[in-house]
Amino acid sequence: MLGAWGASLTGCAAPVTADRPTPPPAAPAGTASPDTGAPVPPRPGKPRQEGRAPAAGGRAPVFSRATPRPGAPVPKVVALTFDADMTADQGPRAARGERFDNPGLIEALRTLKVPSTVFMTGRWAEEYPAQAKSIGTDPLFETANHSYSHYAFTDDCYGLPVVARPRMLADVQRARRAFERAGVRNTVPYFRFPGGCHDDAALRAVAPAGVTAVQWDVVSGDAFATDAEAVAEQVLTGVQPGSLVVMHCTRSAAPVTEEAVRRIVPELRRRGYRFVKVSELMRG
């Protein structure tokens, strides 16, 4: 049940652009960038299974921010989300020492006591099972599905390889099994399309998984960024009550995210904002 300031849920959305795996072309500030309803409380010692989200016309619903109902006050809440990306074919790069994790960022969120939602790929959970379990059993965080392979669910998504339509649902389910093997417990039935790219066919393909597709309304610009202050300023400029911010948890592709978060969090708190997970943002 949505509260007095209901969530923005729709049955379909136009495709959006991605910001991975190669630096995307410059986009106007505040536009969509690159790169799942309500969760059931987890049972102690058991992984939370993805529940069935309300589908609209056979499509997975889409959530991008919380919006107030007419005449209702607007709570000053914001959800920070972090994509833990690793594409299925990047194993050799990891073997050569490239780091797709960011334990410093996770520890910063713990130190700052920031509830957050981590969108994790199954391949990332396989590469870093201890970190996946640590995140996925910490009550500060909730873990959501970001596909297994981090391949695109539409064509022309910033150079990402593309999942064949008949394999889309299997890719989502494979990620869930990877989380279970790693010991991830605090999962929620949300899905973030790699690169954020989706269309009607993709929403229909993932609907049987019972997920809500989670997008965003604030692009942090942290992917491939080298200036933490610029990332922080972009977030601070874009956040409004009910905002959902997309950031990344990959050192090699987003090296300044931790520093940016250490600037963003105190300033938003000074402005009166409270940090919430996506599940609370949806509930209102």
C-alpha atoms as a PDB file:
ATOM      1  CA  MET A   1       0.000   0.000   0.000  1.00  0.00           C
ATOM      2  CA  LEU A   2       1.349   3.404  -0.947  1.00  0.00           C
ATOM      3  CA  GLY A   3       1.312   6.146   1.631  1.00  0.00           C
ATOM      4  CA  ALA A   4      -0.126   9.636   1.285  1.00  0.00           C
ATOM      5  CA  TRP A   5       2.581  10.552  -1.175  1.00  0.00           C
ATOM      6  CA  GLY A   6       2.424   7.576  -3.518  1.00  0.00           C
ATOM      7  CA  ALA A   7       5.167   6.119  -5.606  1.00  0.00           C
ATOM      8  CA  SER A   8       5.536   6.890  -9.274  1.00  0.00           C
ATOM      9  CA  LEU A   9       4.744   3.488 -10.786  1.00  0.00           C
ATOM     10  CA  THR A  10       3.977   3.004 -14.423  1.00  0.00           C
ATOM     11  CA  GLY A  11       3.522  -0.030 -16.582  1.00  0.00           C
ATOM     12  CA  CYS A  12       5.874   1.061 -19.325  1.00  0.00           C
ATOM     13  CA  ALA A  13       8.513   3.628 -20.061  1.00  0.00           C
ATOM     14  CA  ALA A  14      10.493   4.783 -23.028  1.00  0.00           C
ATOM     15  CA  PRO A  15      14.035   3.479 -23.382  1.00  0.00           C
ATOM     16  CA  VAL A  16      16.698   5.486 -21.616  1.00  0.00           C
ATOM     17  CA  THR A  17      20.380   5.744 -22.284  1.00  0.00           C
ATOM     18  CA  ALA A  18      23.251   3.980 -20.553  1.00  0.00           C
ATOM     19  CA  ASP A  19      26.592   5.017 -19.148  1.00  0.00           C
ATOM     20  CA  ARG A  20      28.568   1.826 -19.408  1.00  0.00           C
ATOM     21  CA  PRO A  21      30.735   0.014 -20.427  1.00  0.00           C
ATOM     22  CA  THR A  22      32.515   2.772 -22.356  1.00  0.00           C
ATOM     23  CA  PRO A  23      32.352   6.465 -21.520  1.00  0.00           C
ATOM     24  CA  PRO A  24      29.098   7.742 -23.028  1.00  0.00           C
ATOM     25  CA  PRO A  25      28.781  10.939 -25.023  1.00  0.00           C
ATOM     26  CA  ALA A  26      28.124  14.030 -22.970  1.00  0.00           C
ATOM     27  CA  ALA A  27      24.492  14.562 -22.039  1.00  0.00           C
ATOM     28  CA  PRO A  28      22.734  17.593 -20.585  1.00  0.00           C
ATOM     29  CA  ALA A  29      22.750  17.713 -16.804  1.00  0.00           C
ATOM     30  CA  GLY A  30      19.729  16.069 -15.255  1.00  0.00           C
ATOM     31  CA  THR A  31      18.925  13.818 -18.225  1.00  0.00           C
ATOM     32  CA  ALA A  32      18.789  10.043 -18.044  1.00  0.00           C
ATOM     33  CA  SER A  33      22.173   8.413 -17.852  1.00  0.00           C
ATOM     34  CA  PRO A  34      23.612   4.999 -18.419  1.00  0.00           C
ATOM     35  CA  ASP A  35      24.428   2.914 -16.827  1.00  0.00           C
ATOM     36  CA  THR A  36      12.106  -3.863  -8.542  1.00  0.00           C
ATOM     37  CA  GLY A  37       5.888  -3.819  -5.650  1.00  0.00           C
ATOM     38  CA  ALA A  38       6.434  -3.514  -2.061  1.00  0.00           C
ATOM     39  CA  PRO A  39       8.991  -5.919  -0.584  1.00  0.00           C
ATOM     40  CA  VAL A  40       8.231  -8.600   1.957  1.00  0.00           C
ATOM     41  CA  PRO A  41      10.312  -8.414   5.164  1.00  0.00           C
ATOM     42  CA  PRO A  42      13.102 -11.008   5.090  1.00  0.00           C
ATOM     43  CA  ARG A  43      12.872 -14.126   7.197  1.00  0.00           C
ATOM     44  CA  PRO A  44      15.890 -14.641   9.427  1.00  0.00           C
ATOM     45  CA  GLY A  45      18.359 -17.063   7.918  1.00  0.00           C
ATOM     46  CA  LYS A  46      16.567 -17.394   4.581  1.00  0.00           C
ATOM     47  CA  PRO A  47      16.972 -15.461   1.361  1.00  0.00           C
ATOM     48  CA  ARG A  48      14.027 -13.262   0.527  1.00  0.00           C
ATOM     49  CA  GLN A  49      12.506 -14.485  -2.706  1.00  0.00           C
ATOM     50  CA  GLU A  50      11.466 -12.093  -5.416  1.00  0.00           C
ATOM     51  CA  GLY A  51       7.745 -11.539  -5.002  1.00  0.00           C
ATOM     52  CA  ARG A  52       5.288 -10.810  -7.763  1.00  0.00           C
ATOM     53  CA  ALA A  53       5.049  -7.132  -8.546  1.00  0.00           C
ATOM     54  CA  PRO A  54       1.762  -5.766  -9.861  1.00  0.00           C
ATOM     55  CA  ALA A  55       2.025  -5.975 -13.645  1.00  0.00           C
ATOM     56  CA  ALA A  56       0.267  -3.581 -15.976  1.00  0.00           C
ATOM     57  CA  GLY A  57      -0.858  -5.270 -19.172  1.00  0.00           C
ATOM     58  CA  GLY A  58       1.712  -8.021 -18.749  1.00  0.00           C
ATOM     59  CA  ARG A  59       4.586  -5.584 -18.248  1.00  0.00           C
ATOM     60  CA  ALA A  60       6.743  -5.124 -15.180  1.00  0.00           C
ATOM     61  CA  PRO A  61       5.912  -1.773 -13.527  1.00  0.00           C
ATOM     62  CA  VAL A  62       8.518   0.987 -13.492  1.00  0.00           C
ATOM     63  CA  PHE A  63       9.494   3.184 -10.533  1.00  0.00           C
ATOM     64  CA  SER A  64      11.751   6.210 -10.876  1.00  0.00           C
ATOM     65  CA  ARG A  65      10.987   8.484  -7.898  1.00  0.00           C
ATOM     66  CA  ALA A  66       8.368   9.111  -5.230  1.00  0.00           C
ATOM     67  CA  THR A  67       5.839  11.816  -5.966  1.00  0.00           C
ATOM     68  CA  PRO A  68       3.412  13.525  -3.598  1.00  0.00           C
ATOM     69  CA  ARG A  69      -0.306  13.082  -3.880  1.00  0.00           C
ATOM     70  CA  PRO A  70      -2.253  16.308  -4.403  1.00  0.00           C
ATOM     71  CA  GLY A  71      -2.431  18.327  -1.216  1.00  0.00           C
ATOM     72  CA  ALA A  72      -0.023  16.078   0.696  1.00  0.00           C
ATOM     73  CA  PRO A  73       3.199  17.362   2.276  1.00  0.00           C
ATOM     74  CA  VAL A  74       6.411  16.373   0.561  1.00  0.00           C
ATOM     75  CA  PRO A  75       8.773  14.508   2.912  1.00  0.00           C
ATOM     76  CA  LYS A  76      12.432  15.373   2.439  1.00  0.00           C
ATOM     77  CA  VAL A  77      13.676  11.871   1.754  1.00  0.00           C
ATOM     78  CA  VAL A  78      16.117  10.605  -0.862  1.00  0.00           C
ATOM     79  CA  ALA A  79      17.297   7.142  -1.887  1.00  0.00           C
ATOM     80  CA  LEU A  80      20.899   6.568  -2.902  1.00  0.00           C
ATOM     81  CA  THR A  81      21.310   3.510  -5.121  1.00  0.00           C
ATOM     82  CA  PHE A  82      24.554   1.870  -6.207  1.00  0.00           C
ATOM     83  CA  ASP A  83      25.078  -0.394  -9.188  1.00  0.00           C
ATOM     84  CA  ALA A  84      27.609  -3.172  -8.546  1.00  0.00           C
ATOM     85  CA  ASP A  85      28.439  -3.835 -12.170  1.00  0.00           C
ATOM     86  CA  MET A  86      30.433  -6.601 -13.744  1.00  0.00           C
ATOM     87  CA  THR A  87      29.760  -7.813 -17.246  1.00  0.00           C
ATOM     88  CA  ALA A  88      29.846 -11.562 -17.827  1.00  0.00           C
ATOM     89  CA  ASP A  89      32.873 -11.406 -20.105  1.00  0.00           C
ATOM     90  CA  GLN A  90      35.041  -9.252 -17.811  1.00  0.00           C
ATOM     91  CA  GLY A  91      36.533 -12.179 -15.886  1.00  0.00           C
ATOM     92  CA  PRO A  92      39.914 -11.916 -17.636  1.00  0.00           C
ATOM     93  CA  ARG A  93      40.141  -8.250 -16.718  1.00  0.00           C
ATOM     94  CA  ALA A  94      39.433  -9.075 -13.076  1.00  0.00           C
ATOM     95  CA  ALA A  95      42.081 -11.800 -13.221  1.00  0.00           C
ATOM     96  CA  ARG A  96      44.577  -9.183 -14.384  1.00  0.00           C
ATOM     97  CA  GLY A  97      43.807  -7.053 -11.342  1.00  0.00           C
ATOM     98  CA  GLU A  98      41.025  -4.701 -12.436  1.00  0.00           C
ATOM     99  CA  ARG A  99      38.720  -4.015  -9.497  1.00  0.00           C
ATOM    100  CA  PHE A 100      34.991  -4.021 -10.086  1.00  0.00           C
ATOM    101  CA  ASP A 101      34.244  -3.728  -6.360  1.00  0.00           C
ATOM    102  CA  ASN A 102      34.485  -0.753  -3.999  1.00  0.00           C
ATOM    103  CA  PRO A 103      34.744  -1.857  -0.358  1.00  0.00           C
ATOM    104  CA  GLY A 104      35.784   1.638   0.694  1.00  0.00           C
ATOM    105  CA  LEU A 105      32.467   3.019  -0.533  1.00  0.00           C
ATOM    106  CA  ILE A 106      30.500   0.369   1.367  1.00  0.00           C
ATOM    107  CA  GLU A 107      32.422   1.121   4.549  1.00  0.00           C
ATOM    108  CA  ALA A 108      31.811   4.841   4.062  1.00  0.00           C
ATOM    109  CA  LEU A 109      28.067   4.194   3.833  1.00  0.00           C
ATOM    110  CA  ARG A 110      28.291   2.174   7.049  1.00  0.00           C
ATOM    111  CA  THR A 111      30.284   4.858   8.822  1.00  0.00           C
ATOM    112  CA  LEU A 112      27.852   7.542   7.666  1.00  0.00           C
ATOM    113  CA  LYS A 113      24.870   5.260   8.488  1.00  0.00           C
ATOM    114  CA  VAL A 114      23.245   5.698   5.092  1.00  0.00           C
ATOM    115  CA  PRO A 115      20.545   3.114   4.248  1.00  0.00           C
ATOM    116  CA  SER A 116      21.059   2.215   0.600  1.00  0.00           C
ATOM    117  CA  THR A 117      19.924  -0.103  -2.164  1.00  0.00           C
ATOM    118  CA  VAL A 118      22.625  -1.994  -4.065  1.00  0.00           C
ATOM    119  CA  PHE A 119      21.754  -3.258  -7.541  1.00  0.00           C
ATOM    120  CA  MET A 120      24.086  -6.202  -8.032  1.00  0.00           C
ATOM    121  CA  THR A 121      24.856  -8.305 -11.066  1.00  0.00           C
ATOM    122  CA  GLY A 122      25.120 -12.048 -10.602  1.00  0.00           C
ATOM    123  CA  ARG A 123      28.563 -12.019 -12.154  1.00  0.00           C
ATOM    124  CA  TRP A 124      29.698  -9.469  -9.549  1.00  0.00           C
ATOM    125  CA  ALA A 125      28.371 -11.699  -6.751  1.00  0.00           C
ATOM    126  CA  GLU A 126      30.340 -14.614  -8.180  1.00  0.00           C
ATOM    127  CA  GLU A 127      33.537 -12.583  -8.401  1.00  0.00           C
ATOM    128  CA  TYR A 128      33.193 -11.091  -4.897  1.00  0.00           C
ATOM    129  CA  PRO A 129      31.076 -13.578  -2.908  1.00  0.00           C
ATOM    130  CA  ALA A 130      32.359 -12.469   0.508  1.00  0.00           C
ATOM    131  CA  GLN A 131      31.515  -8.839  -0.243  1.00  0.00           C
ATOM    132  CA  ALA A 132      28.158  -9.806  -1.730  1.00  0.00           C
ATOM    133  CA  LYS A 133      27.301 -11.721   1.456  1.00  0.00           C
ATOM    134  CA  SER A 134      28.515  -8.871   3.665  1.00  0.00           C
ATOM    135  CA  ILE A 135      26.316  -6.362   1.829  1.00  0.00           C
ATOM    136  CA  GLY A 136      23.440  -8.806   1.521  1.00  0.00           C
ATOM    137  CA  THR A 137      23.268  -9.604   5.237  1.00  0.00           C
ATOM    138  CA  ASP A 138      23.767  -6.070   6.564  1.00  0.00           C
ATOM    139  CA  PRO A 139      20.401  -4.516   7.579  1.00  0.00           C
ATOM    140  CA  LEU A 140      21.693  -1.134   6.438  1.00  0.00           C
ATOM    141  CA  PHE A 141      21.411  -2.329   2.846  1.00  0.00           C
ATOM    142  CA  GLU A 142      18.948  -4.060   0.579  1.00  0.00           C
ATOM    143  CA  THR A 143      20.132  -5.921  -2.500  1.00  0.00           C
ATOM    144  CA  ALA A 144      18.327  -5.854  -5.827  1.00  0.00           C
ATOM    145  CA  ASN A 145      18.806  -7.576  -9.166  1.00  0.00           C
ATOM    146  CA  HIS A 146      20.869  -5.915 -11.900  1.00  0.00           C
ATOM    147  CA  SER A 147      20.870  -8.983 -14.221  1.00  0.00           C
ATOM    148  CA  TYR A 148      23.449 -11.739 -14.269  1.00  0.00           C
ATOM    149  CA  SER A 149      25.466 -10.667 -17.276  1.00  0.00           C
ATOM    150  CA  HIS A 150      25.073  -6.867 -17.395  1.00  0.00           C
ATOM    151  CA  TYR A 151      24.247  -7.288 -21.074  1.00  0.00           C
ATOM    152  CA  ALA A 152      21.700  -4.889 -22.519  1.00  0.00           C
ATOM    153  CA  PHE A 153      17.995  -5.703 -22.796  1.00  0.00           C
ATOM    154  CA  THR A 154      17.607  -3.454 -25.849  1.00  0.00           C
ATOM    155  CA  ASP A 155      19.710  -2.765 -28.904  1.00  0.00           C
ATOM    156  CA  ASP A 156      22.026   0.225 -29.061  1.00  0.00           C
ATOM    157  CA  CYS A 157      22.654   0.561 -25.317  1.00  0.00           C
ATOM    158  CA  TYR A 158      26.064   2.214 -25.214  1.00  0.00           C
ATOM    159  CA  GLY A 159      27.917  -0.662 -26.762  1.00  0.00           C
ATOM    160  CA  LEU A 160      26.811  -3.335 -24.291  1.00  0.00           C
ATOM    161  CA  PRO A 161      26.375  -6.849 -25.674  1.00  0.00           C
ATOM    162  CA  VAL A 162      22.685  -7.680 -26.013  1.00  0.00           C
ATOM    163  CA  VAL A 163      20.698 -10.439 -24.287  1.00  0.00           C
ATOM    164  CA  ALA A 164      18.506 -12.322 -26.731  1.00  0.00           C
ATOM    165  CA  ARG A 165      14.837 -11.787 -25.900  1.00  0.00           C
ATOM    166  CA  PRO A 166      14.188 -15.484 -25.092  1.00  0.00           C
ATOM    167  CA  ARG A 167      17.068 -15.349 -22.556  1.00  0.00           C
ATOM    168  CA  MET A 168      16.071 -12.182 -20.701  1.00  0.00           C
ATOM    169  CA  LEU A 169      14.026 -13.854 -17.976  1.00  0.00           C
ATOM    170  CA  ALA A 170      16.667 -16.564 -17.531  1.00  0.00           C
ATOM    171  CA  ASP A 171      19.330 -13.886 -17.070  1.00  0.00           C
ATOM    172  CA  VAL A 172      17.337 -12.293 -14.224  1.00  0.00           C
ATOM    173  CA  GLN A 173      16.755 -15.681 -12.606  1.00  0.00           C
ATOM    174  CA  ARG A 174      20.411 -16.641 -12.945  1.00  0.00           C
ATOM    175  CA  ALA A 175      21.411 -13.529 -11.019  1.00  0.00           C
ATOM    176  CA  ARG A 176      19.039 -14.489  -8.199  1.00  0.00           C
ATOM    177  CA  ARG A 177      20.626 -17.944  -7.960  1.00  0.00           C
ATOM    178  CA  ALA A 178      24.082 -16.353  -7.817  1.00  0.00           C
ATOM    179  CA  PHE A 179      22.936 -14.207  -4.878  1.00  0.00           C
ATOM    180  CA  GLU A 180      21.621 -17.271  -3.058  1.00  0.00           C
ATOM    181  CA  ARG A 181      24.907 -19.145  -3.561  1.00  0.00           C
ATOM    182  CA  ALA A 182      26.837 -16.175  -2.182  1.00  0.00           C
ATOM    183  CA  GLY A 183      24.626 -16.016   0.918  1.00  0.00           C
ATOM    184  CA  VAL A 184      22.857 -12.753   0.057  1.00  0.00           C
ATOM    185  CA  ARG A 185      19.760 -12.524   2.271  1.00  0.00           C
ATOM    186  CA  ASN A 186      18.369  -8.990   2.229  1.00  0.00           C
ATOM    187  CA  THR A 187      16.996  -9.055  -1.317  1.00  0.00           C
ATOM    188  CA  VAL A 188      14.070  -7.070  -2.671  1.00  0.00           C
ATOM    189  CA  PRO A 189      11.994  -7.749  -5.814  1.00  0.00           C
ATOM    190  CA  TYR A 190      13.426  -4.932  -7.884  1.00  0.00           C
ATOM    191  CA  PHE A 191      15.319  -5.035 -11.163  1.00  0.00           C
ATOM    192  CA  ARG A 192      17.491  -2.410 -12.776  1.00  0.00           C
ATOM    193  CA  PHE A 193      18.084  -2.855 -16.466  1.00  0.00           C
ATOM    194  CA  PRO A 194      21.768  -2.664 -17.442  1.00  0.00           C
ATOM    195  CA  GLY A 195      22.357   0.854 -18.661  1.00  0.00           C
ATOM    196  CA  GLY A 196      18.769   1.605 -17.659  1.00  0.00           C
ATOM    197  CA  CYS A 197      17.830   0.646 -21.226  1.00  0.00           C
ATOM    198  CA  HIS A 198      14.435  -0.981 -21.642  1.00  0.00           C
ATOM    199  CA  ASP A 199      11.424  -1.054 -23.884  1.00  0.00           C
ATOM    200  CA  ASP A 200       7.983  -2.644 -23.879  1.00  0.00           C
ATOM    201  CA  ALA A 201       9.358  -6.043 -24.927  1.00  0.00           C
ATOM    202  CA  ALA A 202      11.941  -6.043 -22.138  1.00  0.00           C
ATOM    203  CA  LEU A 203       9.337  -5.104 -19.516  1.00  0.00           C
ATOM    204  CA  ARG A 204       7.151  -7.971 -20.698  1.00  0.00           C
ATOM    205  CA  ALA A 205      10.098 -10.378 -20.681  1.00  0.00           C
ATOM    206  CA  VAL A 206      11.028  -9.755 -17.037  1.00  0.00           C
ATOM    207  CA  ALA A 207       7.462  -9.485 -15.695  1.00  0.00           C
ATOM    208  CA  PRO A 208       7.236 -13.232 -14.826  1.00  0.00           C
ATOM    209  CA  ALA A 209      10.105 -12.706 -12.368  1.00  0.00           C
ATOM    210  CA  GLY A 210       7.732 -10.565 -10.292  1.00  0.00           C
ATOM    211  CA  VAL A 211      10.005  -7.549 -10.311  1.00  0.00           C
ATOM    212  CA  THR A 212       9.509  -3.809 -10.471  1.00  0.00           C
ATOM    213  CA  ALA A 213      11.954  -2.047 -12.761  1.00  0.00           C
ATOM    214  CA  VAL A 214      13.727   0.698 -10.838  1.00  0.00           C
ATOM    215  CA  GLN A 215      15.102   3.691 -12.706  1.00  0.00           C
ATOM    216  CA  TRP A 216      16.095   7.089 -11.241  1.00  0.00           C
ATOM    217  CA  ASP A 217      15.487  10.812 -11.531  1.00  0.00           C
ATOM    218  CA  VAL A 218      18.956  12.039 -10.515  1.00  0.00           C
ATOM    219  CA  VAL A 219      22.044  11.052 -12.496  1.00  0.00           C
ATOM    220  CA  SER A 220      25.169  11.334 -10.359  1.00  0.00           C
ATOM    221  CA  GLY A 221      27.570  11.371 -13.297  1.00  0.00           C
ATOM    222  CA  ASP A 222      30.040   9.251 -11.318  1.00  0.00           C
ATOM    223  CA  ALA A 223      30.675   6.753 -14.131  1.00  0.00           C
ATOM    224  CA  PHE A 224      34.192   7.425 -15.453  1.00  0.00           C
ATOM    225  CA  ALA A 225      34.322  10.691 -13.499  1.00  0.00           C
ATOM    226  CA  THR A 226      37.572  11.950 -12.002  1.00  0.00           C
ATOM    227  CA  ASP A 227      36.244  14.989 -10.130  1.00  0.00           C
ATOM    228  CA  ALA A 228      34.416  14.046  -6.919  1.00  0.00           C
ATOM    229  CA  GLU A 229      33.344  17.624  -6.295  1.00  0.00           C
ATOM    230  CA  ALA A 230      31.629  17.800  -9.693  1.00  0.00           C
ATOM    231  CA  VAL A 231      29.797  14.531  -8.998  1.00  0.00           C
ATOM    232  CA  ALA A 232      28.686  15.784  -5.590  1.00  0.00           C
ATOM    233  CA  GLU A 233      27.501  19.083  -7.052  1.00  0.00           C
ATOM    234  CA  GLN A 234      25.488  17.320  -9.759  1.00  0.00           C
ATOM    235  CA  VAL A 235      23.689  15.234  -7.131  1.00  0.00           C
ATOM    236  CA  LEU A 236      23.142  18.128  -4.757  1.00  0.00           C
ATOM    237  CA  THR A 237      21.730  20.238  -7.573  1.00  0.00           C
ATOM    238  CA  GLY A 238      19.393  17.509  -8.798  1.00  0.00           C
ATOM    239  CA  VAL A 239      17.952  16.105  -5.568  1.00  0.00           C
ATOM    240  CA  GLN A 240      14.376  16.984  -4.654  1.00  0.00           C
ATOM    241  CA  PRO A 241      12.114  15.414  -2.018  1.00  0.00           C
ATOM    242  CA  GLY A 242      11.446  11.850  -3.137  1.00  0.00           C
ATOM    243  CA  SER A 243      14.444  11.617  -5.461  1.00  0.00           C
ATOM    244  CA  LEU A 244      16.196   8.404  -6.431  1.00  0.00           C
ATOM    245  CA  VAL A 245      19.900   8.785  -7.263  1.00  0.00           C
ATOM    246  CA  VAL A 246      21.899   6.373  -9.438  1.00  0.00           C
ATOM    247  CA  MET A 247      25.558   5.847  -8.530  1.00  0.00           C
ATOM    248  CA  HIS A 248      28.048   3.005  -8.913  1.00  0.00           C
ATOM    249  CA  CYS A 249      29.996   0.581  -6.731  1.00  0.00           C
ATOM    250  CA  THR A 250      32.865  -0.209  -9.094  1.00  0.00           C
ATOM    251  CA  ARG A 251      36.303   1.223  -8.464  1.00  0.00           C
ATOM    252  CA  SER A 252      37.616   0.867 -11.999  1.00  0.00           C
ATOM    253  CA  ALA A 253      34.643   2.573 -13.653  1.00  0.00           C
ATOM    254  CA  ALA A 254      33.652   5.015 -10.887  1.00  0.00           C
ATOM    255  CA  PRO A 255      36.781   5.827  -8.884  1.00  0.00           C
ATOM    256  CA  VAL A 256      35.575   8.996  -7.110  1.00  0.00           C
ATOM    257  CA  THR A 257      32.182   7.793  -5.845  1.00  0.00           C
ATOM    258  CA  GLU A 258      33.283   7.252  -2.246  1.00  0.00           C
ATOM    259  CA  GLU A 259      34.722  10.760  -2.007  1.00  0.00           C
ATOM    260  CA  ALA A 260      31.604  12.227  -3.599  1.00  0.00           C
ATOM    261  CA  VAL A 261      29.328  10.388  -1.152  1.00  0.00           C
ATOM    262  CA  ARG A 262      31.324  11.771   1.779  1.00  0.00           C
ATOM    263  CA  ARG A 263      30.469  15.259   0.485  1.00  0.00           C
ATOM    264  CA  ILE A 264      26.863  14.560  -0.522  1.00  0.00           C
ATOM    265  CA  VAL A 265      25.615  12.936   2.672  1.00  0.00           C
ATOM    266  CA  PRO A 266      26.491  15.653   5.212  1.00  0.00           C
ATOM    267  CA  GLU A 267      25.201  18.407   2.937  1.00  0.00           C
ATOM    268  CA  LEU A 268      21.857  16.740   2.262  1.00  0.00           C
ATOM    269  CA  ARG A 269      21.442  16.080   5.974  1.00  0.00           C
ATOM    270  CA  ARG A 270      22.227  19.724   6.633  1.00  0.00           C
ATOM    271  CA  ARG A 271      19.401  20.570   4.225  1.00  0.00           C
ATOM    272  CA  GLY A 272      17.028  18.401   6.217  1.00  0.00           C
ATOM    273  CA  TYR A 273      16.977  15.268   4.059  1.00  0.00           C
ATOM    274  CA  ARG A 274      16.659  11.738   5.408  1.00  0.00           C
ATOM    275  CA  PHE A 275      18.170   8.797   3.533  1.00  0.00           C
ATOM    276  CA  VAL A 276      15.960   5.780   2.816  1.00  0.00           C
ATOM    277  CA  LYS A 277      16.143   2.553   0.847  1.00  0.00           C
ATOM    278  CA  VAL A 278      14.113   2.221  -2.333  1.00  0.00           C
ATOM    279  CA  SER A 279      11.619  -0.008  -0.521  1.00  0.00           C
ATOM    280  CA  GLU A 280      10.808   2.815   1.914  1.00  0.00           C
ATOM    281  CA  LEU A 281      10.684   5.356  -0.901  1.00  0.00           C
ATOM    282  CA  MET A 282       8.061   3.181  -2.596  1.00  0.00           C
ATOM    283  CA  ARG A 283       5.990   2.800   0.542  1.00  0.00           C
ATOM    284  CA  GLY A 284       5.932   6.523   1.242  1.00  0.00           C
END
